[in-house]
Amino acid sequence: MAGDLLEHAAALLKEKGATTGELRYLANRLTESLTDVKRVAESRGARLASKRAQKNLK
């Protein structure tokens, strides 16, 4: 989804006639996508930290 959204964003931003509504919609979708990416990154980071801690206990 993020890749498709980035392609759409690039295309829309190249258009000189993009409306305020289109740009607002794009900003909302990008915000949602970035929120998802951040959540996944934090989750993976927490799991990596947990695995490191478990290795240090051995």
Protein backbone atom coordinates (compact mmCIF):
# COMPACT_ATOMS: atom_id res chain seq x y z
CA MET A 1 0.00 0.00 0.00
CA ALA A 2 2.76 2.47 0.89
CA GLY A 3 4.43 2.06 -2.50
CA ASP A 4 1.20 2.72 -4.37
CA LEU A 5 0.51 5.73 -2.18
CA LEU A 6 3.98 7.15 -2.82
CA GLU A 7 3.51 6.75 -6.58
CA HIS A 8 0.13 8.49 -6.36
CA ALA A 9 1.63 11.28 -4.26
CA ALA A 10 4.46 11.85 -6.74
CA ALA A 11 2.02 11.99 -9.65
CA LEU A 12 -0.38 14.33 -7.87
CA LEU A 13 2.39 16.67 -6.75
CA LYS A 14 3.65 16.95 -10.34
CA GLU A 15 0.24 18.27 -11.40
CA LYS A 16 0.05 22.03 -11.30
CA GLY A 17 -3.74 21.95 -10.93
CA ALA A 18 -4.08 19.70 -7.89
CA THR A 19 -6.93 21.00 -5.76
CA THR A 20 -6.84 21.73 -2.06
CA GLY A 21 -9.22 18.82 -1.51
CA GLU A 22 -6.97 16.42 -3.42
CA LEU A 23 -3.91 17.55 -1.49
CA ARG A 24 -5.76 17.29 1.83
CA TYR A 25 -6.90 13.77 0.94
CA LEU A 26 -3.34 12.84 0.00
CA ALA A 27 -1.98 14.30 3.25
CA ASN A 28 -4.49 12.27 5.24
CA ARG A 29 -3.60 9.02 3.44
CA LEU A 30 0.13 9.71 3.85
CA THR A 31 -0.41 10.38 7.55
CA GLU A 32 -2.29 7.09 7.94
CA SER A 33 0.43 5.20 6.10
CA LEU A 34 3.23 6.79 8.10
CA THR A 35 1.38 6.01 11.33
CA ASP A 36 1.23 2.34 10.28
CA VAL A 37 4.92 2.31 9.35
CA LYS A 38 5.86 3.85 12.71
CA ARG A 39 3.74 1.32 14.60
CA VAL A 40 5.38 -1.60 12.79
CA ALA A 41 8.88 -0.17 13.29
CA GLU A 42 8.29 0.34 17.01
CA SER A 43 6.88 -3.16 17.35
CA ARG A 44 9.86 -4.71 15.57
CA GLY A 45 12.27 -2.60 17.60
CA ALA A 46 10.67 -3.77 20.82
CA ARG A 47 10.94 -7.40 19.73
CA LEU A 48 14.60 -6.96 18.78
CA ALA A 49 15.35 -5.37 22.13
CA SER A 50 13.59 -8.25 23.86
CA LYS A 51 15.61 -10.82 21.91
CA ARG A 52 18.85 -9.00 22.76
CA ALA A 53 17.91 -8.98 26.44
CA GLN A 54 17.15 -12.71 26.33
CA LYS A 55 20.55 -13.41 24.72
CA ASN A 56 22.28 -11.41 27.44
CA LEU A 57 20.58 -13.52 30.12
CA LYS A 58 21.99 -16.75 28.70
